[in-house]
N, C-alpha and C. Protein backbone atom coordinates (compact mmCIF):
# COMPACT_ATOMS: atom_id res chain seq x y z
N UNK A 1 0.83 -1.32 0.02
CA UNK A 1 0.01 0.03 0.50
C UNK A 1 0.90 1.24 -0.47
N UNK A 2 0.63 2.42 -0.76
CA UNK A 2 1.53 3.52 -1.09
C UNK A 2 0.69 4.25 0.12
N UNK A 3 1.67 4.94 0.88
CA UNK A 3 1.45 6.39 1.51
C UNK A 3 0.42 7.11 0.82
N UNK A 4 -0.68 7.69 1.52
CA UNK A 4 -1.42 8.59 0.66
C UNK A 4 -0.86 10.36 0.83
N UNK A 5 -0.83 11.04 0.10
CA UNK A 5 -0.48 12.52 0.29
C UNK A 5 -0.94 13.58 0.86
N UNK A 6 -1.31 14.22 1.93
CA UNK A 6 -2.12 14.81 2.40
C UNK A 6 -1.59 16.10 1.95
N UNK A 7 -2.77 16.68 1.02
CA UNK A 7 -2.49 18.03 0.81
C UNK A 7 -2.99 18.74 2.14
N UNK A 8 -2.29 20.54 2.03
CA UNK A 8 -2.27 21.34 2.90
C UNK A 8 -3.66 22.03 2.84
N UNK A 9 -3.92 22.34 3.60
CA UNK A 9 -5.35 23.41 3.91
C UNK A 9 -4.80 24.83 3.08
N UNK A 10 -6.21 24.86 2.79
CA UNK A 10 -6.11 26.09 1.54
C UNK A 10 -6.20 27.42 2.45
N UNK A 11 -5.03 28.02 2.30
CA UNK A 11 -4.96 29.57 2.87
C UNK A 11 -5.67 30.44 1.86
N UNK A 12 -6.47 31.03 2.68
CA UNK A 12 -6.93 32.52 2.16
C UNK A 12 -5.87 33.18 1.71
N UNK A 13 -6.49 34.17 0.36
CA UNK A 13 -5.68 34.95 -0.02
C UNK A 13 -5.83 36.35 1.41
N UNK A 14 -4.74 37.13 1.58
CA UNK A 14 -4.82 38.24 2.14
C UNK A 14 -5.43 39.77 1.53
N UNK A 15 -6.35 39.91 1.74
CA UNK A 15 -6.80 41.14 0.96
C UNK A 15 -4.66 42.40 1.25
N UNK A 16 -4.90 42.83 0.20
CA UNK A 16 -3.86 43.95 -0.11
C UNK A 16 -4.37 45.13 -0.10
N UNK A 17 -3.24 46.06 0.84
CA UNK A 17 -3.92 47.10 0.77
C UNK A 17 -3.20 48.25 -0.30
N UNK A 18 -4.10 49.26 -0.75
CA UNK A 18 -3.42 50.16 -2.27
C UNK A 18 -2.45 50.78 -1.40
N UNK A 19 -1.45 50.65 -2.40
CA UNK A 19 0.13 51.26 -2.11
C UNK A 19 -0.20 52.64 -2.06
N UNK A 20 0.40 53.51 -1.49
CA UNK A 20 0.20 54.80 -1.87
C UNK A 20 0.27 55.34 -0.01
N UNK A 21 0.68 56.49 0.45
CA UNK A 21 0.83 57.26 1.41
C UNK A 21 -0.23 56.55 2.51
N UNK A 22 0.35 56.68 3.71
CA UNK A 22 -0.58 56.05 4.76
C UNK A 22 -1.11 57.66 5.03
N UNK A 23 -2.19 57.54 5.82
CA UNK A 23 -2.90 58.92 5.69
C UNK A 23 -3.02 58.81 7.37
N UNK A 24 -2.70 59.74 7.78
CA UNK A 24 -2.70 59.46 9.60
C UNK A 24 -4.57 61.08 9.77
N UNK A 25 -5.18 60.29 10.72
CA UNK A 25 -6.35 61.45 11.06
C UNK A 25 -5.92 63.05 11.15
N UNK A 26 -6.05 63.67 10.53
CA UNK A 26 -6.05 65.06 10.91
C UNK A 26 -6.63 65.87 12.28
N UNK A 27 -7.75 65.01 12.70
CA UNK A 27 -8.29 65.66 13.63
C UNK A 27 -7.83 64.92 14.95
N UNK A 28 -7.14 64.69 14.97
CA UNK A 28 -6.37 64.35 16.11
C UNK A 28 -6.75 65.02 18.07
N UNK A 29 -7.11 64.47 18.79
CA UNK A 29 -7.04 65.63 19.87
C UNK A 29 -5.64 65.54 20.54
N UNK A 30 -5.66 66.43 21.09
CA UNK A 30 -4.61 66.87 22.08
C UNK A 30 -3.98 65.79 22.86
N UNK A 31 -5.08 65.35 23.73
CA UNK A 31 -5.27 64.60 24.65
C UNK A 31 -4.34 63.22 24.30
N UNK A 32 -5.26 62.83 22.87
CA UNK A 32 -4.77 61.61 22.31
C UNK A 32 -3.13 61.36 22.09
N UNK A 33 -2.92 62.53 21.51
CA UNK A 33 -1.66 63.07 21.27
C UNK A 33 -0.59 62.58 22.36
N UNK A 34 -0.94 63.40 24.02
CA UNK A 34 -0.47 63.65 25.10
C UNK A 34 -0.85 61.59 25.45
N UNK A 35 -1.32 61.13 25.42
CA UNK A 35 -1.47 59.90 25.86
C UNK A 35 -0.37 58.83 25.32
N UNK A 36 0.02 58.56 23.94
CA UNK A 36 0.80 58.53 22.95
C UNK A 36 1.84 58.82 22.91
N UNK A 37 2.19 59.99 23.43
CA UNK A 37 3.42 60.56 23.84
C UNK A 37 3.82 59.77 25.25
N UNK A 38 3.07 59.75 26.33
CA UNK A 38 3.13 59.52 27.01
C UNK A 38 3.34 57.06 27.68
N UNK A 39 2.62 57.40 26.56
CA UNK A 39 2.61 55.36 26.73
C UNK A 39 4.49 55.11 26.08
N UNK A 40 4.15 55.78 25.01
CA UNK A 40 5.52 55.64 24.33
C UNK A 40 7.16 55.44 25.40
N UNK A 41 6.84 56.64 26.14
CA UNK A 41 8.07 56.82 27.28
C UNK A 41 7.52 55.65 28.29
N UNK A 42 6.65 55.72 28.61
CA UNK A 42 6.24 54.87 29.84
C UNK A 42 6.60 53.34 29.30
N UNK A 43 6.39 52.80 28.09
CA UNK A 43 6.55 51.52 27.19
C UNK A 43 8.58 51.56 27.48
N UNK A 44 8.94 52.41 27.15
CA UNK A 44 10.46 52.35 26.98
C UNK A 44 11.32 51.93 28.59
N UNK A 45 10.59 52.83 29.48
CA UNK A 45 11.20 52.25 31.22
C UNK A 45 10.71 50.95 31.22
N UNK A 46 9.49 50.43 30.89
CA UNK A 46 8.93 49.09 31.45
C UNK A 46 9.85 48.38 30.74
N UNK A 47 10.25 48.17 29.46
CA UNK A 47 11.33 47.16 28.48
C UNK A 47 12.54 47.07 28.92
N UNK A 48 13.35 48.30 29.53
CA UNK A 48 14.16 47.87 30.26
C UNK A 48 14.22 47.11 31.55
N UNK A 49 15.53 46.79 31.88
CA UNK A 49 15.88 45.67 33.35
C UNK A 49 15.19 46.35 34.07
N UNK A 50 14.47 45.56 34.81
CA UNK A 50 13.91 46.08 36.34
C UNK A 50 12.35 46.50 35.98
N UNK A 51 11.87 46.15 34.93
CA UNK A 51 11.18 47.07 34.24
C UNK A 51 9.72 46.88 35.57
N UNK A 52 9.90 45.72 36.03
CA UNK A 52 8.69 45.26 37.44
C UNK A 52 8.79 46.03 38.34
N UNK A 53 9.93 46.45 38.42
CA UNK A 53 10.25 47.58 40.21
C UNK A 53 9.68 49.08 39.37
N UNK A 54 10.20 49.26 38.19
CA UNK A 54 9.83 50.27 37.90
C UNK A 54 8.12 50.90 37.73
N UNK A 55 7.23 49.55 37.14
CA UNK A 55 5.95 49.77 36.97
C UNK A 55 5.26 49.33 38.94
N UNK A 56 6.12 49.00 39.65
CA UNK A 56 5.52 48.48 41.00
C UNK A 56 5.51 49.92 41.58
N UNK A 57 6.33 50.88 40.96
CA UNK A 57 7.28 51.92 42.15
C UNK A 57 5.71 53.52 41.52
N UNK A 58 5.65 52.90 40.32
CA UNK A 58 5.15 54.23 40.06
C UNK A 58 3.67 53.98 39.83
N UNK A 59 3.39 52.14 40.10
CA UNK A 59 1.52 52.18 40.80
C UNK A 59 1.57 52.24 41.87
N UNK A 60 2.36 52.18 43.23
CA UNK A 60 2.15 52.48 44.21
C UNK A 60 2.46 54.30 44.76
N UNK A 61 3.28 55.13 43.58
CA UNK A 61 3.05 56.44 43.61
C UNK A 61 2.05 57.05 43.13
N UNK A 62 0.93 56.42 42.54
CA UNK A 62 -0.34 56.95 41.75
C UNK A 62 -1.15 56.62 42.82
N UNK A 63 -1.31 55.36 43.34
CA UNK A 63 -2.10 54.74 44.43
C UNK A 63 -1.95 55.94 45.99
N UNK A 64 -0.79 56.40 46.20
CA UNK A 64 -0.67 57.22 47.11
C UNK A 64 -0.95 58.70 46.89
N UNK A 65 -0.96 59.13 45.69
CA UNK A 65 -1.07 60.27 45.45
C UNK A 65 -2.71 60.56 45.19
N UNK A 66 -3.35 59.38 44.63
CA UNK A 66 -5.02 59.53 45.11
C UNK A 66 -5.19 59.25 46.19
N UNK A 67 -5.38 58.82 46.82
CA UNK A 67 -5.75 58.64 48.02
C UNK A 67 -5.17 59.73 49.01
N UNK A 68 -3.84 60.53 49.01
CA UNK A 68 -3.53 61.95 49.55
C UNK A 68 -4.87 62.76 48.89
N UNK A 69 -5.24 63.11 47.72
CA UNK A 69 -5.78 64.12 47.43
C UNK A 69 -7.40 63.92 47.61
N UNK A 70 -7.72 62.21 47.68
CA UNK A 70 -9.12 62.06 48.64
C UNK A 70 -9.44 62.51 49.92
N UNK A 71 -7.96 61.94 50.81
CA UNK A 71 -8.41 62.53 52.24
C UNK A 71 -8.54 63.81 52.47
N UNK A 72 -7.31 64.82 51.50
CA UNK A 72 -7.86 66.24 51.92
C UNK A 72 -8.45 66.83 51.00
N UNK A 73 -9.59 66.45 49.89
CA UNK A 73 -10.86 66.93 49.65
C UNK A 73 -11.76 66.65 49.98
N UNK A 74 -11.78 65.08 51.26
CA UNK A 74 -12.98 65.28 52.18
C UNK A 74 -12.55 65.88 53.26
N UNK A 75 -11.56 66.43 53.68
CA UNK A 75 -11.34 67.35 54.69
C UNK A 75 -11.83 68.61 55.03
N UNK A 76 -11.24 68.82 53.47
CA UNK A 76 -11.91 70.50 53.44
C UNK A 76 -12.94 70.32 52.87
N UNK A 77 -13.90 69.64 52.34
CA UNK A 77 -14.89 69.50 52.76
C UNK A 77 -15.86 69.69 53.82
N UNK A 78 -15.49 68.76 54.49
CA UNK A 78 -15.80 68.44 55.97
C UNK A 78 -15.56 69.76 56.48
N UNK A 79 -14.45 70.83 56.69
CA UNK A 79 -14.51 71.75 57.26
C UNK A 79 -15.45 72.85 56.97
N UNK A 80 -15.61 73.39 55.42
CA UNK A 80 -16.36 73.87 54.71
C UNK A 80 -17.55 73.73 55.23
N UNK A 81 -18.49 72.51 55.31
CA UNK A 81 -19.26 72.14 55.57
C UNK A 81 -19.94 72.53 57.33
N UNK A 82 -18.79 72.30 58.22
CA UNK A 82 -18.91 72.99 60.20
C UNK A 82 -18.96 74.36 59.55
N UNK A 83 -18.30 75.09 59.17
CA UNK A 83 -18.21 76.62 58.84
C UNK A 83 -19.36 76.83 58.51
N UNK A 84 -19.69 76.48 57.79
CA UNK A 84 -21.33 77.11 56.98
C UNK A 84 -22.54 76.46 58.28
N UNK A 85 -22.64 75.20 58.58
CA UNK A 85 -23.52 75.48 59.67
C UNK A 85 -23.47 76.09 61.08
N UNK A 86 -22.32 76.00 61.57
CA UNK A 86 -21.83 77.22 62.22
C UNK A 86 -22.15 78.43 62.32
N UNK A 87 -21.97 78.65 61.40
CA UNK A 87 -21.98 80.40 60.53
C UNK A 87 -22.50 80.54 59.16
N UNK A 88 -24.05 80.31 59.24
CA UNK A 88 -24.66 80.07 57.78
C UNK A 88 -24.20 81.45 56.99
N UNK A 89 -23.89 82.93 57.52
CA UNK A 89 -23.97 83.62 56.56
C UNK A 89 -22.47 84.16 55.97
N UNK A 90 -21.66 83.02 56.24
CA UNK A 90 -20.39 82.97 55.98
C UNK A 90 -20.00 83.53 54.55
N UNK A 91 -20.48 82.41 53.10
CA UNK A 91 -20.08 82.74 52.37
C UNK A 91 -20.74 84.67 51.80
N UNK A 92 -21.91 84.43 52.37
CA UNK A 92 -22.84 86.02 51.65
C UNK A 92 -21.59 86.95 52.61
N UNK A 93 -21.20 86.92 53.49
CA UNK A 93 -20.33 88.22 54.48
C UNK A 93 -18.97 88.27 53.34
N UNK A 94 -18.56 86.88 53.19
CA UNK A 94 -17.24 86.79 52.51
C UNK A 94 -17.56 87.31 50.91
N UNK A 95 -18.42 87.33 50.65
CA UNK A 95 -18.51 88.12 49.06
C UNK A 95 -18.89 89.78 49.06
N UNK A 96 -19.87 89.67 49.77
CA UNK A 96 -20.38 91.41 50.12
C UNK A 96 -18.81 92.52 50.65
N UNK A 97 -17.98 91.78 51.62
CA UNK A 97 -16.31 92.39 51.72
C UNK A 97 -16.12 92.11 50.72
N UNK A 98 -15.42 90.99 50.09
CA UNK A 98 -14.85 91.25 48.95
C UNK A 98 -15.07 92.38 47.95
N UNK A 99 -16.45 92.14 47.22
CA UNK A 99 -16.98 93.20 46.32
C UNK A 99 -16.69 94.74 47.21
N UNK A 100 -16.79 95.23 48.01
CA UNK A 100 -16.84 96.69 49.01
C UNK A 100 -15.11 96.72 48.93
N UNK A 101 -14.23 96.03 49.28
CA UNK A 101 -13.18 96.14 49.03
C UNK A 101 -12.44 96.33 47.37
N UNK A 102 -12.63 95.72 46.64
CA UNK A 102 -11.91 95.30 45.17
C UNK A 102 -12.53 96.29 44.18
N UNK A 103 -12.04 97.66 43.92
CA UNK A 103 -12.74 98.74 43.01
C UNK A 103 -13.04 97.96 41.93
N UNK A 104 -11.84 97.38 41.21
CA UNK A 104 -11.76 96.75 39.54
C UNK A 104 -12.95 95.77 39.36
N UNK A 105 -13.46 94.93 40.89
CA UNK A 105 -14.23 94.03 40.42
C UNK A 105 -15.10 94.41 40.59
N UNK A 106 -15.79 96.13 41.17
CA UNK A 106 -16.68 96.78 40.86
C UNK A 106 -17.06 97.69 39.41
N UNK A 107 -15.60 98.10 39.00
CA UNK A 107 -15.87 98.36 37.74
C UNK A 107 -15.90 97.40 36.50
N UNK A 108 -15.87 96.59 36.99
CA UNK A 108 -16.30 95.34 35.98
C UNK A 108 -17.34 94.32 35.66
N UNK A 109 -17.79 95.05 36.88
CA UNK A 109 -19.58 93.93 37.29
C UNK A 109 -20.46 95.31 36.38
N UNK A 110 -20.04 96.52 36.62
CA UNK A 110 -20.49 97.62 36.19
C UNK A 110 -20.62 97.69 34.48
N UNK A 111 -19.61 97.49 33.99
CA UNK A 111 -19.76 97.22 32.73
C UNK A 111 -20.44 96.52 32.51
N UNK A 112 -19.90 95.00 32.96
CA UNK A 112 -20.95 93.85 32.49
C UNK A 112 -22.05 94.02 32.55
N UNK A 113 -22.87 94.90 33.85
CA UNK A 113 -24.18 95.19 33.94
C UNK A 113 -25.24 96.16 32.79
N UNK A 114 -23.71 96.87 32.13
CA UNK A 114 -24.10 97.98 31.25
C UNK A 114 -24.26 96.96 29.93
N UNK A 115 -23.61 96.23 29.70
CA UNK A 115 -23.58 95.72 28.46
C UNK A 115 -24.70 94.35 28.25
N UNK A 116 -25.23 93.90 29.49
CA UNK A 116 -25.88 93.24 29.56
C UNK A 116 -27.20 93.75 29.38
N UNK A 117 -27.73 95.25 30.38
CA UNK A 117 -28.26 95.53 30.10
C UNK A 117 -29.21 96.17 28.20
N UNK A 118 -27.54 96.03 28.02
CA UNK A 118 -27.97 96.79 26.64
C UNK A 118 -28.61 95.74 25.68
N UNK A 119 -27.93 94.07 25.74
CA UNK A 119 -28.79 92.84 25.23
C UNK A 119 -29.89 92.77 25.36
N UNK A 120 -30.19 93.17 26.98
CA UNK A 120 -31.86 92.72 27.02
C UNK A 120 -32.73 93.79 26.68
N UNK A 121 -32.24 95.36 26.39
CA UNK A 121 -33.09 95.88 25.75
C UNK A 121 -33.65 95.80 23.99
N UNK A 122 -32.63 95.04 23.95
CA UNK A 122 -32.27 94.73 21.75
C UNK A 122 -33.51 93.49 22.20
N UNK A 123 -33.43 92.80 22.70
CA UNK A 123 -33.99 91.32 22.98
C UNK A 123 -35.51 91.13 23.40
N UNK A 124 -35.98 92.81 23.70
CA UNK A 124 -37.82 92.43 24.37
C UNK A 124 -38.67 92.91 23.32
N UNK A 125 -37.70 93.68 21.77
CA UNK A 125 -38.84 94.06 20.96
C UNK A 125 -38.99 92.32 20.18
N UNK A 126 -37.99 91.20 20.06
CA UNK A 126 -38.34 89.64 19.77
C UNK A 126 -38.97 88.64 20.63
N UNK A 127 -38.60 88.88 22.00
CA UNK A 127 -39.28 87.94 22.72
C UNK A 127 -40.72 87.79 22.80
N UNK A 128 -42.02 88.48 22.31
CA UNK A 128 -42.99 88.56 21.90
C UNK A 128 -43.36 87.34 20.83
N UNK A 129 -42.34 87.66 20.18
CA UNK A 129 -42.40 87.21 18.15
C UNK A 129 -42.33 85.64 18.56
N UNK A 130 -41.25 85.28 19.68
CA UNK A 130 -39.78 84.39 19.76
C UNK A 130 -40.94 83.18 20.63
N UNK A 131 -42.22 83.82 21.24
CA UNK A 131 -42.91 83.37 22.39
C UNK A 131 -43.93 82.63 21.34
N UNK A 132 -44.35 83.45 20.26
CA UNK A 132 -46.16 83.32 19.98
C UNK A 132 -45.05 81.98 19.09
N UNK A 133 -44.59 82.21 18.37
CA UNK A 133 -43.48 80.49 17.90
C UNK A 133 -43.55 79.24 18.53
N UNK A 134 -43.40 79.20 19.17
CA UNK A 134 -42.97 78.05 19.94
C UNK A 134 -44.10 77.55 21.05
N UNK A 135 -45.27 78.73 20.57
CA UNK A 135 -46.15 78.44 21.94
C UNK A 135 -47.39 77.84 21.36
N UNK A 136 -47.43 77.28 20.14
CA UNK A 136 -48.04 76.20 19.76
C UNK A 136 -48.18 74.33 19.76
N UNK A 137 -46.13 74.75 20.23
CA UNK A 137 -45.63 73.30 20.75
C UNK A 137 -46.23 72.68 21.75
N UNK A 138 -46.47 73.89 23.01
CA UNK A 138 -46.22 73.36 24.14
C UNK A 138 -47.91 73.60 24.30
N UNK A 139 -48.91 72.48 24.51
CA UNK A 139 -50.02 72.72 24.95
C UNK A 139 -50.75 72.97 26.83
N UNK A 140 -50.20 71.98 27.35
CA UNK A 140 -50.05 72.40 28.88
C UNK A 140 -48.81 72.66 29.61
N UNK A 141 -48.76 72.90 30.86
CA UNK A 141 -47.74 73.20 31.46
C UNK A 141 -47.74 71.71 31.92
N UNK A 142 -46.05 71.44 32.37
CA UNK A 142 -46.43 69.93 32.90
C UNK A 142 -46.32 70.31 34.56
N UNK A 143 -47.05 69.70 35.41
CA UNK A 143 -47.27 69.35 36.74
C UNK A 143 -45.79 69.81 37.57
N UNK A 144 -45.53 70.98 38.40
CA UNK A 144 -44.25 70.71 39.42
C UNK A 144 -44.14 69.67 40.15
N UNK A 145 -43.23 69.86 40.98
CA UNK A 145 -42.83 68.10 41.69
C UNK A 145 -43.58 68.97 43.11
N UNK A 146 -43.65 70.07 43.63
CA UNK A 146 -44.05 70.71 44.62
C UNK A 146 -45.76 70.39 44.56
N UNK A 147 -46.77 70.49 43.77
CA UNK A 147 -48.02 69.83 43.62
C UNK A 147 -48.19 68.29 43.52
N UNK A 148 -49.72 67.81 43.22
CA UNK A 148 -49.95 66.87 42.91
C UNK A 148 -49.98 65.73 44.03
N UNK A 149 -49.79 64.32 43.75
CA UNK A 149 -49.66 63.77 44.73
C UNK A 149 -48.27 63.31 45.84
N UNK A 150 -48.83 62.86 46.54
CA UNK A 150 -47.84 62.76 47.47
C UNK A 150 -46.77 61.70 47.56
N UNK A 151 -47.29 60.52 46.76
CA UNK A 151 -47.00 59.16 46.61
C UNK A 151 -45.68 59.70 45.56
N UNK A 152 -46.52 60.20 44.39
CA UNK A 152 -45.25 60.65 43.04
C UNK A 152 -44.34 61.49 43.54
N UNK A 153 -44.46 63.06 44.64
CA UNK A 153 -43.40 62.95 44.99
C UNK A 153 -42.35 61.72 46.25
N UNK A 154 -43.04 61.06 47.08
CA UNK A 154 -42.14 60.43 47.67
C UNK A 154 -41.35 59.39 46.37
N UNK A 155 -42.01 59.31 45.71
CA UNK A 155 -41.09 58.05 44.80
C UNK A 155 -40.02 58.63 44.00
N UNK A 156 -40.60 59.88 43.51
CA UNK A 156 -39.56 60.63 43.12
C UNK A 156 -38.21 61.11 44.03
N UNK A 157 -38.35 61.28 45.08
CA UNK A 157 -36.80 61.46 46.45
C UNK A 157 -36.28 59.93 46.24
N UNK A 158 -37.07 59.46 46.57
CA UNK A 158 -36.66 57.94 46.77
C UNK A 158 -35.65 57.96 45.57
N UNK A 159 -36.27 57.28 43.98
CA UNK A 159 -35.39 57.35 43.00
C UNK A 159 -34.35 58.43 43.27
N UNK A 160 -34.34 59.47 43.61
CA UNK A 160 -33.06 60.51 43.73
C UNK A 160 -31.88 60.30 44.78
N UNK A 161 -32.83 59.86 45.85
CA UNK A 161 -31.67 59.23 46.59
C UNK A 161 -31.09 58.13 46.60
N UNK A 162 -31.34 57.60 45.42
CA UNK A 162 -30.68 55.87 45.23
C UNK A 162 -29.72 56.84 43.98
N UNK A 163 -30.32 57.01 43.16
CA UNK A 163 -29.55 57.61 41.67
C UNK A 163 -28.58 58.28 41.75
N UNK A 164 -28.89 59.23 42.75
CA UNK A 164 -27.20 60.16 42.98
C UNK A 164 -26.25 59.23 43.06
N UNK A 165 -26.32 58.38 44.59
CA UNK A 165 -24.88 58.63 44.51
C UNK A 165 -24.61 57.36 43.88
N UNK A 166 -25.30 56.55 43.20
CA UNK A 166 -25.26 55.11 42.29
C UNK A 166 -24.31 56.14 40.83
N UNK A 167 -24.78 56.98 40.59
CA UNK A 167 -24.51 57.72 39.49
C UNK A 167 -22.87 58.06 39.47
N UNK A 168 -22.79 58.69 41.13
CA UNK A 168 -21.34 59.06 41.51
C UNK A 168 -20.66 58.36 41.62
N UNK A 169 -20.50 56.94 42.32
CA UNK A 169 -19.82 55.97 42.10
C UNK A 169 -19.19 55.33 41.22
N UNK A 170 -20.18 54.79 40.02
CA UNK A 170 -20.10 54.89 38.50
C UNK A 170 -18.98 55.67 37.74
N UNK A 171 -19.35 57.18 37.88
CA UNK A 171 -18.19 58.07 37.80
C UNK A 171 -16.62 58.04 38.36
N UNK A 172 -17.38 57.58 39.09
CA UNK A 172 -15.33 57.68 40.28
C UNK A 172 -14.83 56.86 39.84
N UNK A 173 -15.85 55.29 39.08
CA UNK A 173 -14.67 54.45 38.75
C UNK A 173 -14.68 54.27 37.86
């Protein structure tokens, strides 16, 4: 009996790219370019000898920095909260005192008010036409949260109390 020759499996042809210059995206963002640059630099450090030590050292530093920033932020927010609880007029008194002592801020606010008044007086003539153009789209006013059934207000508050921390946690991660 003669040995049979097994034919190799057919390999599919690879689609060739057209010859020519490679095109780069012209709308590359600054952040993407910075990430690419820093990833190339970090890959050079990690490929060198002792790369695991460098990587471990960098991750430890990043974790320590994030922890320090978190602790500092919570500390400052608790101080601000306690200050407001002890002295509720803290921010208003600070803003009034800062405004009364800073003449350049007063001048800026006066010039800003003059500009906004001139813009508002120009918009007074077009406001009724704008309102009439969109008046047919909205037939009735939506009910406010303070009015209506107490059960719906309770459900809304419970959903807000559950969703806000969940979304905050997801955004943090």
